[in-house]
Amino acid sequence: MWGRIRKSSARFVNALRTEATAGREGRTHNLFEAAAAYVSACAEDDQDRIDEASAWVSPEALSFGVNELACRAVIALARERDESPRTVARALLGLPAA
């Protein structure tokens, strides 16, 4: 009886080790990593990296991440230039000042 329990326990522990190892190899990316990789790949016109980053998260999550990245970038540039975010965003898009 104790032999069966020991074998069962050993199988269970080995299964946990296998899952932990597989988890490290197939690391998931969060939406901000995906957005950063996607935007930088778009800026460099690297279609392979664009496709790879697009597969990391759902399209909705990627859209949210890209939007968040754009907001943070505009705010950072506005602070650096001592201008309003609206002025910086319009300038980046080549639009006339409002």
N, C-alpha and C. Protein backbone atom coordinates (compact mmCIF):
# COMPACT_ATOMS: atom_id res chain seq x y z
N MET A 1 0.83 -1.20 0.00
CA MET A 1 0.00 0.00 0.00
C MET A 1 0.87 1.26 0.00
N TRP A 2 1.90 1.30 0.84
CA TRP A 2 2.77 2.47 0.90
C TRP A 2 3.52 2.66 -0.43
N GLY A 3 3.80 1.56 -1.08
CA GLY A 3 4.47 1.64 -2.38
C GLY A 3 3.61 2.35 -3.42
N ARG A 4 2.31 2.06 -3.41
CA ARG A 4 1.40 2.73 -4.34
C ARG A 4 1.31 4.22 -4.06
N ILE A 5 1.25 4.57 -2.80
CA ILE A 5 1.19 5.99 -2.42
C ILE A 5 2.46 6.70 -2.85
N ARG A 6 3.61 6.06 -2.62
CA ARG A 6 4.89 6.65 -2.98
C ARG A 6 4.97 6.85 -4.50
N LYS A 7 4.56 5.84 -5.28
CA LYS A 7 4.58 5.95 -6.75
C LYS A 7 3.63 7.04 -7.23
N SER A 8 2.46 7.10 -6.64
CA SER A 8 1.49 8.13 -7.00
C SER A 8 2.02 9.52 -6.69
N SER A 9 2.64 9.66 -5.53
CA SER A 9 3.22 10.95 -5.14
C SER A 9 4.35 11.34 -6.08
N ALA A 10 5.18 10.36 -6.45
CA ALA A 10 6.29 10.64 -7.36
C ALA A 10 5.78 11.11 -8.72
N ARG A 11 4.73 10.48 -9.21
CA ARG A 11 4.14 10.91 -10.50
C ARG A 11 3.61 12.33 -10.41
N PHE A 12 2.96 12.62 -9.30
CA PHE A 12 2.39 13.95 -9.11
C PHE A 12 3.50 15.01 -9.08
N VAL A 13 4.56 14.75 -8.32
CA VAL A 13 5.67 15.70 -8.23
C VAL A 13 6.34 15.87 -9.59
N ASN A 14 6.55 14.78 -10.32
CA ASN A 14 7.14 14.87 -11.65
C ASN A 14 6.27 15.67 -12.61
N ALA A 15 4.97 15.52 -12.50
CA ALA A 15 4.06 16.29 -13.35
C ALA A 15 4.17 17.78 -13.05
N LEU A 16 4.28 18.12 -11.78
CA LEU A 16 4.44 19.53 -11.42
C LEU A 16 5.74 20.09 -11.96
N ARG A 17 6.82 19.32 -11.87
CA ARG A 17 8.11 19.77 -12.39
C ARG A 17 8.04 19.98 -13.90
N THR A 18 7.38 19.09 -14.60
CA THR A 18 7.24 19.20 -16.05
C THR A 18 6.46 20.46 -16.41
N GLU A 19 5.37 20.72 -15.69
CA GLU A 19 4.57 21.92 -15.96
C GLU A 19 5.37 23.17 -15.68
N ALA A 20 6.17 23.20 -14.61
CA ALA A 20 6.97 24.37 -14.28
C ALA A 20 8.03 24.61 -15.35
N THR A 21 8.65 23.56 -15.86
CA THR A 21 9.65 23.69 -16.91
C THR A 21 9.00 24.19 -18.20
N ALA A 22 7.87 23.64 -18.54
CA ALA A 22 7.17 24.07 -19.75
C ALA A 22 6.73 25.52 -19.62
N GLY A 23 6.35 25.95 -18.44
CA GLY A 23 5.94 27.33 -18.22
C GLY A 23 7.07 28.31 -18.45
N ARG A 24 8.28 27.92 -18.11
CA ARG A 24 9.43 28.80 -18.32
C ARG A 24 9.76 28.93 -19.79
N GLU A 25 9.63 27.83 -20.54
CA GLU A 25 9.96 27.86 -21.96
C GLU A 25 8.92 28.64 -22.75
N GLY A 26 7.66 28.53 -22.40
CA GLY A 26 6.59 29.20 -23.11
C GLY A 26 6.13 30.44 -22.37
N ARG A 27 7.04 31.27 -21.96
CA ARG A 27 6.72 32.46 -21.18
C ARG A 27 5.72 33.32 -21.92
N THR A 28 4.71 33.76 -21.22
CA THR A 28 3.72 34.64 -21.82
C THR A 28 4.18 36.09 -21.70
N HIS A 29 3.75 36.87 -22.64
CA HIS A 29 4.09 38.29 -22.66
C HIS A 29 2.88 39.08 -22.21
N ASN A 30 3.11 40.17 -21.50
CA ASN A 30 1.97 40.99 -21.12
C ASN A 30 1.67 41.99 -22.23
N LEU A 31 0.55 42.66 -22.13
CA LEU A 31 0.12 43.53 -23.22
C LEU A 31 1.05 44.70 -23.44
N PHE A 32 1.75 45.17 -22.40
CA PHE A 32 2.67 46.29 -22.59
C PHE A 32 3.93 45.86 -23.32
N GLU A 33 4.41 44.65 -23.04
CA GLU A 33 5.55 44.11 -23.80
C GLU A 33 5.15 43.95 -25.27
N ALA A 34 3.96 43.44 -25.50
CA ALA A 34 3.48 43.25 -26.86
C ALA A 34 3.35 44.59 -27.59
N ALA A 35 2.81 45.58 -26.90
CA ALA A 35 2.64 46.90 -27.51
C ALA A 35 3.99 47.54 -27.84
N ALA A 36 4.94 47.44 -26.92
CA ALA A 36 6.27 48.01 -27.16
C ALA A 36 6.95 47.32 -28.34
N ALA A 37 6.86 46.00 -28.40
CA ALA A 37 7.47 45.25 -29.50
C ALA A 37 6.77 45.58 -30.82
N TYR A 38 5.45 45.67 -30.78
CA TYR A 38 4.67 45.96 -31.99
C TYR A 38 4.98 47.34 -32.54
N VAL A 39 4.97 48.34 -31.68
CA VAL A 39 5.21 49.72 -32.13
C VAL A 39 6.64 49.88 -32.63
N SER A 40 7.61 49.32 -31.92
CA SER A 40 8.99 49.45 -32.39
C SER A 40 9.19 48.71 -33.71
N ALA A 41 8.52 47.57 -33.88
CA ALA A 41 8.61 46.84 -35.15
C ALA A 41 7.96 47.63 -36.28
N CYS A 42 6.84 48.29 -35.98
CA CYS A 42 6.20 49.13 -36.99
C CYS A 42 7.10 50.29 -37.39
N ALA A 43 7.76 50.89 -36.42
CA ALA A 43 8.65 52.02 -36.70
C ALA A 43 9.83 51.59 -37.57
N GLU A 44 10.26 50.33 -37.40
CA GLU A 44 11.38 49.80 -38.17
C GLU A 44 10.92 49.05 -39.42
N ASP A 45 9.61 48.99 -39.65
CA ASP A 45 9.00 48.30 -40.79
C ASP A 45 9.47 46.85 -40.88
N ASP A 46 9.42 46.16 -39.74
CA ASP A 46 9.85 44.76 -39.64
C ASP A 46 8.61 43.88 -39.51
N GLN A 47 8.12 43.37 -40.63
CA GLN A 47 6.87 42.61 -40.66
C GLN A 47 6.92 41.35 -39.82
N ASP A 48 8.07 40.68 -39.78
CA ASP A 48 8.18 39.46 -38.98
C ASP A 48 7.96 39.75 -37.50
N ARG A 49 8.58 40.81 -36.99
CA ARG A 49 8.41 41.18 -35.58
C ARG A 49 7.01 41.70 -35.31
N ILE A 50 6.40 42.37 -36.27
CA ILE A 50 5.02 42.84 -36.13
C ILE A 50 4.10 41.63 -35.94
N ASP A 51 4.27 40.63 -36.79
CA ASP A 51 3.44 39.43 -36.71
C ASP A 51 3.67 38.69 -35.40
N GLU A 52 4.92 38.62 -34.96
CA GLU A 52 5.24 37.93 -33.70
C GLU A 52 4.59 38.63 -32.52
N ALA A 53 4.75 39.95 -32.43
CA ALA A 53 4.17 40.70 -31.32
C ALA A 53 2.65 40.65 -31.35
N SER A 54 2.06 40.63 -32.53
CA SER A 54 0.60 40.56 -32.66
C SER A 54 0.05 39.25 -32.12
N ALA A 55 0.86 38.21 -32.15
CA ALA A 55 0.40 36.90 -31.69
C ALA A 55 0.51 36.74 -30.18
N TRP A 56 1.20 37.63 -29.50
CA TRP A 56 1.42 37.50 -28.06
C TRP A 56 0.16 37.73 -27.24
N VAL A 57 -0.71 38.62 -27.67
CA VAL A 57 -1.93 38.96 -26.92
C VAL A 57 -3.08 39.09 -27.90
N SER A 58 -4.28 39.24 -27.38
CA SER A 58 -5.46 39.41 -28.24
C SER A 58 -5.39 40.77 -28.95
N PRO A 59 -6.08 40.91 -30.06
CA PRO A 59 -6.09 42.20 -30.76
C PRO A 59 -6.59 43.35 -29.88
N GLU A 60 -7.58 43.06 -29.03
CA GLU A 60 -8.10 44.10 -28.15
C GLU A 60 -7.05 44.55 -27.13
N ALA A 61 -6.34 43.57 -26.57
CA ALA A 61 -5.30 43.90 -25.60
C ALA A 61 -4.17 44.67 -26.27
N LEU A 62 -3.80 44.27 -27.48
CA LEU A 62 -2.74 44.97 -28.20
C LEU A 62 -3.15 46.41 -28.49
N SER A 63 -4.40 46.59 -28.89
CA SER A 63 -4.91 47.94 -29.15
C SER A 63 -4.85 48.80 -27.89
N PHE A 64 -5.27 48.24 -26.77
CA PHE A 64 -5.19 48.97 -25.51
C PHE A 64 -3.74 49.33 -25.17
N GLY A 65 -2.83 48.38 -25.34
CA GLY A 65 -1.42 48.62 -25.03
C GLY A 65 -0.81 49.68 -25.92
N VAL A 66 -1.14 49.65 -27.21
CA VAL A 66 -0.62 50.66 -28.14
C VAL A 66 -1.17 52.03 -27.77
N ASN A 67 -2.45 52.10 -27.42
CA ASN A 67 -3.05 53.36 -27.00
C ASN A 67 -2.36 53.91 -25.75
N GLU A 68 -2.11 53.03 -24.78
CA GLU A 68 -1.45 53.45 -23.54
C GLU A 68 -0.03 53.93 -23.83
N LEU A 69 0.67 53.22 -24.70
CA LEU A 69 2.02 53.63 -25.08
C LEU A 69 2.01 54.99 -25.76
N ALA A 70 1.05 55.22 -26.65
CA ALA A 70 0.95 56.51 -27.33
C ALA A 70 0.69 57.64 -26.34
N CYS A 71 -0.21 57.41 -25.40
CA CYS A 71 -0.51 58.44 -24.39
C CYS A 71 0.72 58.77 -23.56
N ARG A 72 1.43 57.74 -23.11
CA ARG A 72 2.62 57.96 -22.30
C ARG A 72 3.72 58.66 -23.09
N ALA A 73 3.86 58.29 -24.37
CA ALA A 73 4.89 58.92 -25.20
C ALA A 73 4.58 60.40 -25.42
N VAL A 74 3.34 60.73 -25.70
CA VAL A 74 2.95 62.12 -25.92
C VAL A 74 3.15 62.93 -24.63
N ILE A 75 2.79 62.36 -23.51
CA ILE A 75 2.98 63.07 -22.23
C ILE A 75 4.46 63.30 -21.96
N ALA A 76 5.29 62.28 -22.20
CA ALA A 76 6.73 62.42 -21.97
C ALA A 76 7.33 63.49 -22.88
N LEU A 77 6.95 63.48 -24.16
CA LEU A 77 7.45 64.49 -25.08
C LEU A 77 6.95 65.89 -24.72
N ALA A 78 5.71 65.99 -24.29
CA ALA A 78 5.16 67.29 -23.90
C ALA A 78 5.93 67.86 -22.71
N ARG A 79 6.25 67.03 -21.74
CA ARG A 79 7.03 67.49 -20.59
C ARG A 79 8.42 67.91 -21.02
N GLU A 80 9.02 67.10 -21.90
CA GLU A 80 10.38 67.39 -22.37
C GLU A 80 10.43 68.70 -23.16
N ARG A 81 9.41 68.95 -23.96
CA ARG A 81 9.37 70.16 -24.79
C ARG A 81 8.71 71.35 -24.09
N ASP A 82 8.15 71.11 -22.92
CA ASP A 82 7.42 72.13 -22.17
C ASP A 82 6.26 72.69 -23.01
N GLU A 83 5.52 71.77 -23.61
CA GLU A 83 4.36 72.10 -24.41
C GLU A 83 3.18 71.26 -23.94
N SER A 84 2.01 71.58 -24.45
CA SER A 84 0.84 70.79 -24.07
C SER A 84 0.83 69.47 -24.86
N PRO A 85 0.23 68.44 -24.28
CA PRO A 85 0.13 67.17 -25.01
C PRO A 85 -0.61 67.33 -26.35
N ARG A 86 -1.61 68.20 -26.39
CA ARG A 86 -2.35 68.42 -27.63
C ARG A 86 -1.44 68.98 -28.72
N THR A 87 -0.60 69.95 -28.37
CA THR A 87 0.33 70.55 -29.33
C THR A 87 1.32 69.51 -29.84
N VAL A 88 1.85 68.70 -28.93
CA VAL A 88 2.82 67.66 -29.31
C VAL A 88 2.16 66.63 -30.21
N ALA A 89 0.97 66.16 -29.86
CA ALA A 89 0.28 65.14 -30.67
C ALA A 89 0.01 65.66 -32.08
N ARG A 90 -0.44 66.88 -32.19
CA ARG A 90 -0.70 67.46 -33.50
C ARG A 90 0.58 67.61 -34.30
N ALA A 91 1.66 68.01 -33.64
CA ALA A 91 2.94 68.16 -34.33
C ALA A 91 3.45 66.81 -34.82
N LEU A 92 3.31 65.77 -34.01
CA LEU A 92 3.76 64.44 -34.42
C LEU A 92 3.00 63.93 -35.63
N LEU A 93 1.74 64.29 -35.73
CA LEU A 93 0.91 63.86 -36.86
C LEU A 93 0.99 64.82 -38.06
N GLY A 94 1.76 65.90 -37.90
CA GLY A 94 1.90 66.86 -38.99
C GLY A 94 0.68 67.73 -39.19
N LEU A 95 -0.09 67.92 -38.15
CA LEU A 95 -1.30 68.75 -38.24
C LEU A 95 -0.96 70.18 -37.83
N PRO A 96 -1.68 71.16 -38.37
CA PRO A 96 -1.42 72.55 -37.97
C PRO A 96 -1.83 72.78 -36.52
N ALA A 97 -1.21 73.75 -35.89
CA ALA A 97 -1.55 74.09 -34.50
C ALA A 97 -2.99 74.50 -34.41
N ALA A 98 -3.66 74.08 -33.37
CA ALA A 98 -5.08 74.38 -33.20
C ALA A 98 -5.28 75.74 -32.60
